[in-house]
C-alpha atoms as a PDB file:
ATOM      1  CA  UNK A   1      -1.730  37.073  -2.483  1.00  0.00           C
ATOM      2  CA  UNK A   2      -1.758  34.562  -4.771  1.00  0.00           C
ATOM      3  CA  UNK A   3      -3.631  30.730  -3.962  1.00  0.00           C
ATOM      4  CA  UNK A   4      -1.578  28.218  -4.479  1.00  0.00           C
ATOM      5  CA  UNK A   5      -3.726  25.054  -5.191  1.00  0.00           C
ATOM      6  CA  UNK A   6      -2.622  22.070  -4.411  1.00  0.00           C
ATOM      7  CA  UNK A   7      -3.991  19.015  -7.122  1.00  0.00           C
ATOM      8  CA  UNK A   8      -3.315  15.373  -5.358  1.00  0.00           C
ATOM      9  CA  UNK A   9      -3.359  12.641  -7.778  1.00  0.00           C
ATOM     10  CA  UNK A  10      -6.705  10.406  -8.125  1.00  0.00           C
ATOM     11  CA  UNK A  11      -6.471   6.686  -6.338  1.00  0.00           C
ATOM     12  CA  UNK A  12      -6.094   3.373  -7.495  1.00  0.00           C
ATOM     13  CA  UNK A  13      -7.829   0.951  -6.048  1.00  0.00           C
ATOM     14  CA  UNK A  14      -7.994  -2.717  -5.926  1.00  0.00           C
ATOM     15  CA  UNK A  15     -11.412  -3.701  -4.844  1.00  0.00           C
ATOM     16  CA  UNK A  16     -11.837  -7.717  -4.820  1.00  0.00           C
ATOM     17  CA  UNK A  17     -13.441 -10.672  -3.491  1.00  0.00           C
ATOM     18  CA  UNK A  18     -10.901 -13.835  -3.177  1.00  0.00           C
ATOM     19  CA  UNK A  19     -11.308 -17.091  -1.269  1.00  0.00           C
ATOM     20  CA  UNK A  20      -9.422 -17.619   2.520  1.00  0.00           C
ATOM     21  CA  UNK A  21      -6.716 -19.647   0.411  1.00  0.00           C
ATOM     22  CA  UNK A  22      -6.400 -16.502  -1.972  1.00  0.00           C
ATOM     23  CA  UNK A  23      -7.750 -17.457  -5.053  1.00  0.00           C
ATOM     24  CA  UNK A  24     -10.289 -14.968  -6.828  1.00  0.00           C
ATOM     25  CA  UNK A  25     -11.662 -17.953  -9.702  1.00  0.00           C
ATOM     26  CA  UNK A  26     -11.527 -21.398  -9.157  1.00  0.00           C
ATOM     27  CA  UNK A  27     -10.885 -23.804 -12.651  1.00  0.00           C
ATOM     28  CA  UNK A  28     -12.379 -22.851 -15.484  1.00  0.00           C
ATOM     29  CA  UNK A  29     -12.926 -18.825 -14.116  1.00  0.00           C
ATOM     30  CA  UNK A  30     -15.445 -20.435 -12.337  1.00  0.00           C
ATOM     31  CA  UNK A  31     -16.594 -18.086  -9.348  1.00  0.00           C
ATOM     32  CA  UNK A  32     -19.129 -19.708  -7.698  1.00  0.00           C
ATOM     33  CA  UNK A  33     -17.993 -19.599  -4.597  1.00  0.00           C
ATOM     34  CA  UNK A  34     -18.962 -16.318  -4.614  1.00  0.00           C
ATOM     35  CA  UNK A  35     -22.205 -16.734  -4.076  1.00  0.00           C
ATOM     36  CA  UNK A  36     -21.798 -18.521  -0.768  1.00  0.00           C
ATOM     37  CA  UNK A  37     -21.909 -14.961   0.964  1.00  0.00           C
ATOM     38  CA  UNK A  38     -25.087 -13.503  -1.236  1.00  0.00           C
ATOM     39  CA  UNK A  39     -27.450 -11.748   1.422  1.00  0.00           C
ATOM     40  CA  UNK A  40     -30.546  -9.565   0.518  1.00  0.00           C
ATOM     41  CA  UNK A  41     -29.962  -6.216   0.878  1.00  0.00           C
ATOM     42  CA  UNK A  42     -25.619  -7.108   1.770  1.00  0.00           C
ATOM     43  CA  UNK A  43     -23.438  -5.547  -0.956  1.00  0.00           C
ATOM     44  CA  UNK A  44     -20.578  -4.822   2.126  1.00  0.00           C
ATOM     45  CA  UNK A  45     -20.111  -2.065   0.890  1.00  0.00           C
ATOM     46  CA  UNK A  46     -19.972  -1.792  -3.355  1.00  0.00           C
ATOM     47  CA  UNK A  47     -22.734   1.193  -3.588  1.00  0.00           C
ATOM     48  CA  UNK A  48     -20.907   3.611  -1.701  1.00  0.00           C
ATOM     49  CA  UNK A  49     -17.513   2.345  -3.291  1.00  0.00           C
ATOM     50  CA  UNK A  50     -18.737   2.716  -6.755  1.00  0.00           C
ATOM     51  CA  UNK A  51     -20.237   6.011  -6.134  1.00  0.00           C
ATOM     52  CA  UNK A  52     -16.690   7.368  -5.993  1.00  0.00           C
ATOM     53  CA  UNK A  53     -15.470   5.539  -8.899  1.00  0.00           C
ATOM     54  CA  UNK A  54     -15.552   7.353 -12.372  1.00  0.00           C
ATOM     55  CA  UNK A  55     -12.901   4.724 -14.305  1.00  0.00           C
ATOM     56  CA  UNK A  56     -12.016   1.359 -14.512  1.00  0.00           C
ATOM     57  CA  UNK A  57      -9.285  -0.890 -15.079  1.00  0.00           C
ATOM     58  CA  UNK A  58      -9.781  -4.366 -15.758  1.00  0.00           C
ATOM     59  CA  UNK A  59      -8.031  -7.417 -17.510  1.00  0.00           C
ATOM     60  CA  UNK A  60      -9.758  -9.509 -20.838  1.00  0.00           C
ATOM     61  CA  UNK A  61     -10.149 -12.102 -19.000  1.00  0.00           C
ATOM     62  CA  UNK A  62     -12.340 -10.469 -16.799  1.00  0.00           C
ATOM     63  CA  UNK A  63     -13.851  -8.636 -19.182  1.00  0.00           C
ATOM     64  CA  UNK A  64     -14.736 -11.314 -21.207  1.00  0.00           C
ATOM     65  CA  UNK A  65     -16.359 -13.319 -18.265  1.00  0.00           C
ATOM     66  CA  UNK A  66     -18.422 -10.775 -17.442  1.00  0.00           C
ATOM     67  CA  UNK A  67     -19.745 -10.199 -20.865  1.00  0.00           C
ATOM     68  CA  UNK A  68     -20.846 -13.883 -21.075  1.00  0.00           C
ATOM     69  CA  UNK A  69     -22.258 -13.974 -17.875  1.00  0.00           C
ATOM     70  CA  UNK A  70     -24.249 -10.776 -17.172  1.00  0.00           C
ATOM     71  CA  UNK A  71     -26.370  -9.020 -19.631  1.00  0.00           C
ATOM     72  CA  UNK A  72     -25.167  -5.988 -19.610  1.00  0.00           C
ATOM     73  CA  UNK A  73     -21.567  -4.921 -18.717  1.00  0.00           C
ATOM     74  CA  UNK A  74     -21.506  -3.339 -15.472  1.00  0.00           C
ATOM     75  CA  UNK A  75     -19.523  -0.349 -15.738  1.00  0.00           C
ATOM     76  CA  UNK A  76     -20.551   0.879 -19.056  1.00  0.00           C
ATOM     77  CA  UNK A  77     -21.186   4.150 -17.223  1.00  0.00           C
ATOM     78  CA  UNK A  78     -17.712   4.818 -16.838  1.00  0.00           C
ATOM     79  CA  UNK A  79     -14.333   5.354 -18.644  1.00  0.00           C
ATOM     80  CA  UNK A  80     -13.309   1.765 -18.811  1.00  0.00           C
ATOM     81  CA  UNK A  81     -10.149   0.126 -19.848  1.00  0.00           C
ATOM     82  CA  UNK A  82      -9.443  -3.326 -20.668  1.00  0.00           C
ATOM     83  CA  UNK A  83      -6.151  -4.471 -20.907  1.00  0.00           C
ATOM     84  CA  UNK A  84      -5.854  -6.685 -23.916  1.00  0.00           C
ATOM     85  CA  UNK A  85      -2.979  -7.791 -26.280  1.00  0.00           C
ATOM     86  CA  UNK A  86      -5.623  -7.527 -29.030  1.00  0.00           C
ATOM     87  CA  UNK A  87      -6.338  -3.966 -30.769  1.00  0.00           C
ATOM     88  CA  UNK A  88      -9.852  -3.468 -30.591  1.00  0.00           C
ATOM     89  CA  UNK A  89     -12.183  -0.483 -30.915  1.00  0.00           C
ATOM     90  CA  UNK A  90     -13.297   1.121 -28.722  1.00  0.00           C
ATOM     91  CA  UNK A  91     -17.164   0.796 -27.560  1.00  0.00           C
ATOM     92  CA  UNK A  92     -18.624   3.471 -25.969  1.00  0.00           C
ATOM     93  CA  UNK A  93     -16.906   4.813 -22.685  1.00  0.00           C
ATOM     94  CA  UNK A  94     -15.107   0.922 -23.030  1.00  0.00           C
ATOM     95  CA  UNK A  95     -11.291   1.287 -24.561  1.00  0.00           C
ATOM     96  CA  UNK A  96      -9.390  -1.453 -25.494  1.00  0.00           C
ATOM     97  CA  UNK A  97      -6.061  -1.147 -24.510  1.00  0.00           C
ATOM     98  CA  UNK A  98      -2.590  -2.759 -25.312  1.00  0.00           C
ATOM     99  CA  UNK A  99      -0.058  -0.169 -24.267  1.00  0.00           C
ATOM    100  CA  UNK A 100       1.616  -0.221 -21.336  1.00  0.00           C
ATOM    101  CA  UNK A 101      -0.491  -0.342 -18.124  1.00  0.00           C
ATOM    102  CA  UNK A 102       2.153   2.109 -15.959  1.00  0.00           C
ATOM    103  CA  UNK A 103       1.867   4.855 -18.521  1.00  0.00           C
ATOM    104  CA  UNK A 104      -1.656   4.234 -18.172  1.00  0.00           C
ATOM    105  CA  UNK A 105      -1.881   4.556 -15.130  1.00  0.00           C
ATOM    106  CA  UNK A 106       0.151   7.365 -14.792  1.00  0.00           C
ATOM    107  CA  UNK A 107      -2.494   9.344 -17.347  1.00  0.00           C
ATOM    108  CA  UNK A 108      -5.448   8.980 -15.670  1.00  0.00           C
ATOM    109  CA  UNK A 109      -4.198  10.028 -12.286  1.00  0.00           C
ATOM    110  CA  UNK A 110      -2.761  13.227 -13.825  1.00  0.00           C
ATOM    111  CA  UNK A 111      -6.057  14.014 -15.060  1.00  0.00           C
ATOM    112  CA  UNK A 112      -9.164  15.297 -13.105  1.00  0.00           C
ATOM    113  CA  UNK A 113     -11.681  12.407 -11.544  1.00  0.00           C
ATOM    114  CA  UNK A 114     -12.722  10.465  -9.060  1.00  0.00           C
ATOM    115  CA  UNK A 115     -11.005   6.914  -7.948  1.00  0.00           C
ATOM    116  CA  UNK A 116      -9.975   4.628 -10.537  1.00  0.00           C
ATOM    117  CA  UNK A 117     -10.929   1.429  -9.863  1.00  0.00           C
ATOM    118  CA  UNK A 118      -8.729  -1.942 -10.704  1.00  0.00           C
ATOM    119  CA  UNK A 119     -11.529  -5.041 -11.001  1.00  0.00           C
ATOM    120  CA  UNK A 120      -9.496  -7.696 -11.788  1.00  0.00           C
ATOM    121  CA  UNK A 121      -7.676 -10.247 -12.946  1.00  0.00           C
ATOM    122  CA  UNK A 122      -4.835 -11.364 -11.243  1.00  0.00           C
ATOM    123  CA  UNK A 123      -2.666 -10.570 -14.069  1.00  0.00           C
ATOM    124  CA  UNK A 124      -3.582  -6.945 -14.369  1.00  0.00           C
ATOM    125  CA  UNK A 125      -2.897  -6.615 -10.383  1.00  0.00           C
ATOM    126  CA  UNK A 126       0.175  -8.534 -10.980  1.00  0.00           C
ATOM    127  CA  UNK A 127       1.527  -5.741 -12.920  1.00  0.00           C
ATOM    128  CA  UNK A 128       0.219  -3.020 -10.923  1.00  0.00           C
ATOM    129  CA  UNK A 129       1.592  -4.311  -8.066  1.00  0.00           C
ATOM    130  CA  UNK A 130       4.968  -4.207 -10.147  1.00  0.00           C
ATOM    131  CA  UNK A 131       4.876  -1.236 -11.023  1.00  0.00           C
ATOM    132  CA  UNK A 132       3.364  -0.093  -7.112  1.00  0.00           C
ATOM    133  CA  UNK A 133       0.606   1.537  -8.587  1.00  0.00           C
ATOM    134  CA  UNK A 134      -1.963   0.230  -6.194  1.00  0.00           C
ATOM    135  CA  UNK A 135      -2.964   2.863  -3.310  1.00  0.00           C
ATOM    136  CA  UNK A 136      -4.855   1.190  -1.341  1.00  0.00           C
ATOM    137  CA  UNK A 137      -6.140  -2.272  -1.313  1.00  0.00           C
ATOM    138  CA  UNK A 138     -10.177  -4.002  -0.400  1.00  0.00           C
ATOM    139  CA  UNK A 139     -10.464  -7.272  -0.139  1.00  0.00           C
ATOM    140  CA  UNK A 140     -13.275  -9.104   0.533  1.00  0.00           C
ATOM    141  CA  UNK A 141     -11.797 -12.844   1.818  1.00  0.00           C
ATOM    142  CA  UNK A 142     -14.563 -15.198   1.399  1.00  0.00           C
ATOM    143  CA  UNK A 143     -14.713 -18.300   3.957  1.00  0.00           C
ATOM    144  CA  UNK A 144     -14.200 -20.573   1.577  1.00  0.00           C
ATOM    145  CA  UNK A 145     -10.896 -22.968   0.510  1.00  0.00           C
ATOM    146  CA  UNK A 146     -10.801 -22.898  -3.736  1.00  0.00           C
ATOM    147  CA  UNK A 147      -8.412 -25.428  -3.740  1.00  0.00           C
ATOM    148  CA  UNK A 148      -6.833 -24.366  -6.774  1.00  0.00           C
ATOM    149  CA  UNK A 149      -7.568 -21.497  -9.735  1.00  0.00           C
ATOM    150  CA  UNK A 150      -6.867 -18.181 -10.050  1.00  0.00           C
ATOM    151  CA  UNK A 151      -4.577 -17.183  -7.460  1.00  0.00           C
ATOM    152  CA  UNK A 152      -5.548 -12.446  -6.697  1.00  0.00           C
ATOM    153  CA  UNK A 153      -1.124 -12.769  -5.596  1.00  0.00           C
ATOM    154  CA  UNK A 154       0.793 -14.146  -8.229  1.00  0.00           C
ATOM    155  CA  UNK A 155       4.309 -14.792  -7.248  1.00  0.00           C
ATOM    156  CA  UNK A 156       7.257 -12.615  -8.480  1.00  0.00           C
ATOM    157  CA  UNK A 157       5.834  -9.473  -6.827  1.00  0.00           C
ATOM    158  CA  UNK A 158       7.750  -6.688  -4.795  1.00  0.00           C
ATOM    159  CA  UNK A 159       7.622  -7.021  -1.146  1.00  0.00           C
ATOM    160  CA  UNK A 160       5.134  -3.635  -0.016  1.00  0.00           C
ATOM    161  CA  UNK A 161       4.087  -2.553   3.163  1.00  0.00           C
ATOM    162  CA  UNK A 162       0.874  -1.610   3.664  1.00  0.00           C
ATOM    163  CA  UNK A 163      -1.151  -0.094   6.437  1.00  0.00           C
ATOM    164  CA  UNK A 164      -4.659  -1.410   7.279  1.00  0.00           C
ATOM    165  CA  UNK A 165      -7.949   1.315   7.232  1.00  0.00           C
ATOM    166  CA  UNK A 166     -10.181  -0.941   8.606  1.00  0.00           C
ATOM    167  CA  UNK A 167     -11.662  -4.633   8.730  1.00  0.00           C
ATOM    168  CA  UNK A 168     -15.242  -5.753   8.831  1.00  0.00           C
ATOM    169  CA  UNK A 169     -16.673  -8.625   9.259  1.00  0.00           C
ATOM    170  CA  UNK A 170     -20.422  -9.749   8.270  1.00  0.00           C
ATOM    171  CA  UNK A 171     -22.618 -11.870   9.426  1.00  0.00           C
ATOM    172  CA  UNK A 172     -21.872 -14.508   6.171  1.00  0.00           C
ATOM    173  CA  UNK A 173     -18.099 -15.207   7.161  1.00  0.00           C
ATOM    174  CA  UNK A 174     -16.911 -12.275   4.912  1.00  0.00           C
ATOM    175  CA  UNK A 175     -14.118 -10.341   6.355  1.00  0.00           C
ATOM    176  CA  UNK A 176     -13.403  -7.400   4.357  1.00  0.00           C
ATOM    177  CA  UNK A 177      -9.887  -5.767   5.014  1.00  0.00           C
ATOM    178  CA  UNK A 178      -8.754  -2.226   3.562  1.00  0.00           C
ATOM    179  CA  UNK A 179      -5.338  -1.290   3.527  1.00  0.00           C
ATOM    180  CA  UNK A 180      -3.082   1.639   1.627  1.00  0.00           C
ATOM    181  CA  UNK A 181       0.271   1.269   0.666  1.00  0.00           C
ATOM    182  CA  UNK A 182       2.150   3.155   3.377  1.00  0.00           C
ATOM    183  CA  UNK A 183       5.536   3.372   0.803  1.00  0.00           C
ATOM    184  CA  UNK A 184       4.385   5.597  -0.963  1.00  0.00           C
END
């Protein structure tokens, strides 16, 4: 008797925070509003999520902001792809990718591994949405109106049906929504 093993493709998950009015950054790439929900001992499920991740996709502007504001790149232990238009040599596990994002995701999903984490920014999210490549969305809504800045979801994306996996509210006012794409 022959045993057949069905290989499932790796999931690509967008795990991100935004203001109630849909911004991931205020003007000047200001992320200060995220501090409104900081609470000692509360990580909103991030540690559990990141344990399931071995690959990260992030935009160049987001990467630049992180390396300017955080002493060590937080995803240095994971295979990381910085989506950019400017070719650059890899730095350890950090690869600067200038090709088609759809081809990259298809290649990554075909490889053995854990979850693929999209850590922003808005342009990368937009490109992934245009290609229907995001499998799950974990969006933490911060209880603040930013008013202007960088919107998480740009106009011009295709319509997509989502199925609610869970919603959770926290005493800081943060609400975390977890959806999966239902039109796979």
